[in-house]
């Protein structure tokens, strides 16, 4: 856009940005407990995830090395 202001040409540059609403991420929460014994963080155990052919399983520090 060019504006003529008292004989002087000045350029006005506008940076237009169109924002799209990004949908909220989907998430879920489940209790963290060992797949084998059912012990969890509230019992004082450390829980680790391991990827198995059937999916991801959670194990306590006792059962993790056995898998």
N, C-alpha and C. Protein backbone atom coordinates (compact mmCIF):
# COMPACT_ATOMS: atom_id res chain seq x y z
N UNK A 1 0.85 -1.16 0.00
CA UNK A 1 0.00 0.00 0.00
C UNK A 1 0.90 1.23 0.00
N UNK A 2 0.62 2.17 -0.86
CA UNK A 2 1.40 3.41 -0.93
C UNK A 2 0.50 4.56 -0.46
N UNK A 3 0.99 5.34 0.47
CA UNK A 3 0.26 6.51 0.98
C UNK A 3 0.95 7.77 0.50
N UNK A 4 0.18 8.75 0.11
CA UNK A 4 0.74 10.03 -0.32
C UNK A 4 0.47 11.03 0.80
N UNK A 5 1.50 11.39 1.54
CA UNK A 5 1.34 12.31 2.67
C UNK A 5 2.14 13.58 2.39
N UNK A 6 1.45 14.62 2.06
CA UNK A 6 2.04 15.93 1.78
C UNK A 6 3.17 15.82 0.76
N UNK A 7 2.91 15.11 -0.30
CA UNK A 7 3.87 15.02 -1.39
C UNK A 7 4.95 13.98 -1.19
N UNK A 8 5.02 13.33 -0.02
CA UNK A 8 6.04 12.30 0.22
C UNK A 8 5.39 10.93 0.13
N UNK A 9 5.99 10.09 -0.67
CA UNK A 9 5.48 8.72 -0.76
C UNK A 9 6.09 7.88 0.35
N UNK A 10 5.25 7.19 1.07
CA UNK A 10 5.72 6.31 2.13
C UNK A 10 5.09 4.95 1.93
N UNK A 11 5.85 3.94 2.17
CA UNK A 11 5.33 2.57 2.04
C UNK A 11 4.92 2.07 3.41
N UNK A 12 3.81 1.39 3.45
CA UNK A 12 3.34 0.75 4.67
C UNK A 12 3.31 -0.75 4.39
N UNK A 13 4.04 -1.48 5.15
CA UNK A 13 4.09 -2.92 4.97
C UNK A 13 3.37 -3.56 6.15
N UNK A 14 2.44 -4.41 5.83
CA UNK A 14 1.70 -5.12 6.87
C UNK A 14 2.06 -6.59 6.81
N UNK A 15 2.31 -7.15 7.96
CA UNK A 15 2.60 -8.58 8.06
C UNK A 15 1.34 -9.25 8.61
N UNK A 16 0.57 -9.83 7.72
CA UNK A 16 -0.68 -10.46 8.14
C UNK A 16 -0.43 -11.93 8.44
N UNK A 17 -0.89 -12.33 9.58
CA UNK A 17 -0.77 -13.73 9.98
C UNK A 17 -2.15 -14.27 10.25
N UNK A 18 -2.42 -15.42 9.70
CA UNK A 18 -3.70 -16.08 9.93
C UNK A 18 -3.45 -17.25 10.87
N UNK A 19 -4.10 -17.20 12.00
CA UNK A 19 -3.91 -18.25 13.00
C UNK A 19 -5.05 -19.25 12.93
N UNK A 20 -4.68 -20.50 12.91
CA UNK A 20 -5.69 -21.56 12.94
C UNK A 20 -5.72 -22.13 14.35
N UNK A 21 -6.89 -22.40 14.83
CA UNK A 21 -7.02 -22.99 16.16
C UNK A 21 -6.54 -24.43 16.10
N UNK A 22 -5.56 -24.73 16.91
CA UNK A 22 -5.01 -26.08 16.98
C UNK A 22 -5.82 -26.85 18.01
N UNK A 23 -6.31 -28.03 17.64
CA UNK A 23 -7.11 -28.80 18.61
C UNK A 23 -6.27 -29.23 19.81
N UNK A 24 -6.93 -29.33 20.94
CA UNK A 24 -6.24 -29.77 22.16
C UNK A 24 -5.75 -31.19 21.99
N UNK A 25 -4.55 -31.50 22.50
CA UNK A 25 -4.04 -32.87 22.38
C UNK A 25 -4.89 -33.84 23.21
N UNK A 26 -5.01 -35.03 22.74
CA UNK A 26 -5.76 -36.06 23.45
C UNK A 26 -4.78 -36.81 24.35
N UNK A 27 -5.19 -37.06 25.57
CA UNK A 27 -4.34 -37.79 26.50
C UNK A 27 -5.20 -38.62 27.44
N UNK A 28 -4.57 -39.55 28.09
CA UNK A 28 -5.27 -40.37 29.07
C UNK A 28 -4.33 -40.67 30.22
N UNK A 29 -4.91 -41.03 31.34
CA UNK A 29 -4.13 -41.33 32.54
C UNK A 29 -4.57 -42.68 33.07
N UNK A 30 -3.61 -43.47 33.49
CA UNK A 30 -3.95 -44.74 34.11
C UNK A 30 -3.01 -44.96 35.30
N UNK A 31 -3.40 -45.84 36.18
CA UNK A 31 -2.61 -46.15 37.36
C UNK A 31 -1.31 -46.83 36.93
N UNK A 32 -0.21 -46.41 37.52
CA UNK A 32 1.10 -46.98 37.20
C UNK A 32 1.37 -48.12 38.17
N UNK A 33 1.33 -49.35 37.62
CA UNK A 33 1.61 -50.51 38.46
C UNK A 33 2.26 -51.61 37.64
N UNK A 34 2.97 -52.48 38.31
CA UNK A 34 3.67 -53.58 37.66
C UNK A 34 2.68 -54.55 37.02
N UNK A 35 2.98 -54.95 35.78
CA UNK A 35 2.14 -55.88 35.04
C UNK A 35 2.08 -57.25 35.72
N UNK A 36 3.16 -57.63 36.44
CA UNK A 36 3.25 -58.96 37.06
C UNK A 36 2.62 -58.98 38.45
N UNK A 37 3.08 -58.08 39.34
CA UNK A 37 2.65 -58.17 40.74
C UNK A 37 1.65 -57.08 41.15
N UNK A 38 1.46 -56.07 40.34
CA UNK A 38 0.51 -55.02 40.68
C UNK A 38 1.02 -53.96 41.63
N UNK A 39 2.28 -54.05 42.04
CA UNK A 39 2.85 -53.03 42.93
C UNK A 39 3.08 -51.76 42.13
N UNK A 40 2.98 -50.60 42.81
CA UNK A 40 3.10 -49.33 42.11
C UNK A 40 3.91 -48.31 42.87
N UNK A 41 3.84 -47.08 42.40
CA UNK A 41 4.59 -45.99 43.02
C UNK A 41 4.14 -45.74 44.45
N UNK A 42 2.86 -45.91 44.72
CA UNK A 42 2.36 -45.68 46.08
C UNK A 42 2.87 -46.74 47.06
N UNK A 43 3.33 -47.87 46.52
CA UNK A 43 3.91 -48.93 47.37
C UNK A 43 5.41 -48.75 47.55
N UNK A 44 5.98 -47.70 46.95
CA UNK A 44 7.41 -47.44 47.09
C UNK A 44 8.27 -48.10 46.02
N UNK A 45 7.68 -48.61 44.96
CA UNK A 45 8.43 -49.28 43.90
C UNK A 45 8.72 -48.33 42.76
N UNK A 46 9.83 -48.56 42.08
CA UNK A 46 10.15 -47.85 40.84
C UNK A 46 9.48 -48.62 39.71
N UNK A 47 8.87 -47.92 38.80
CA UNK A 47 8.18 -48.55 37.67
C UNK A 47 8.85 -48.13 36.38
N UNK A 48 9.13 -49.11 35.51
CA UNK A 48 9.74 -48.84 34.21
C UNK A 48 8.89 -49.47 33.12
N UNK A 49 8.90 -48.86 31.95
CA UNK A 49 8.15 -49.37 30.81
C UNK A 49 9.09 -50.15 29.90
N UNK A 50 8.58 -51.22 29.34
CA UNK A 50 9.34 -52.01 28.39
C UNK A 50 8.43 -52.32 27.20
N UNK A 51 8.99 -52.16 25.99
CA UNK A 51 8.23 -52.46 24.79
C UNK A 51 8.36 -53.94 24.47
N UNK A 52 7.24 -54.62 24.43
CA UNK A 52 7.18 -56.05 24.11
C UNK A 52 6.48 -56.22 22.76
N UNK A 53 6.58 -57.39 22.14
CA UNK A 53 5.88 -57.60 20.87
C UNK A 53 4.37 -57.34 20.97
N UNK A 54 3.81 -57.55 22.14
CA UNK A 54 2.36 -57.35 22.32
C UNK A 54 2.01 -55.91 22.70
N UNK A 55 3.01 -55.06 22.93
CA UNK A 55 2.76 -53.67 23.30
C UNK A 55 3.69 -53.23 24.42
N UNK A 56 3.34 -52.15 25.07
CA UNK A 56 4.15 -51.60 26.16
C UNK A 56 3.61 -52.12 27.48
N UNK A 57 4.51 -52.62 28.34
CA UNK A 57 4.13 -53.13 29.66
C UNK A 57 4.97 -52.42 30.71
N UNK A 58 4.39 -52.27 31.89
CA UNK A 58 5.08 -51.64 33.02
C UNK A 58 5.51 -52.70 34.00
N UNK A 59 6.74 -52.56 34.50
CA UNK A 59 7.29 -53.52 35.45
C UNK A 59 7.92 -52.80 36.63
N UNK A 60 7.87 -53.42 37.81
CA UNK A 60 8.55 -52.88 38.99
C UNK A 60 10.03 -53.22 38.87
N UNK A 61 10.83 -52.67 39.79
CA UNK A 61 12.27 -52.90 39.72
C UNK A 61 12.63 -54.37 40.00
N UNK A 62 11.73 -55.15 40.58
CA UNK A 62 11.97 -56.58 40.80
C UNK A 62 11.74 -57.39 39.52
N UNK A 63 10.67 -57.10 38.81
CA UNK A 63 10.29 -57.89 37.64
C UNK A 63 10.85 -57.39 36.31
N UNK A 64 11.34 -56.17 36.25
CA UNK A 64 11.89 -55.64 35.00
C UNK A 64 13.06 -56.47 34.46
N UNK A 65 14.02 -56.85 35.31
CA UNK A 65 15.15 -57.64 34.78
C UNK A 65 14.74 -59.04 34.30
N UNK A 66 13.62 -59.55 34.73
CA UNK A 66 13.20 -60.91 34.36
C UNK A 66 12.59 -60.98 32.97
N UNK A 67 12.23 -59.87 32.41
CA UNK A 67 11.56 -59.87 31.10
C UNK A 67 12.56 -59.81 29.97
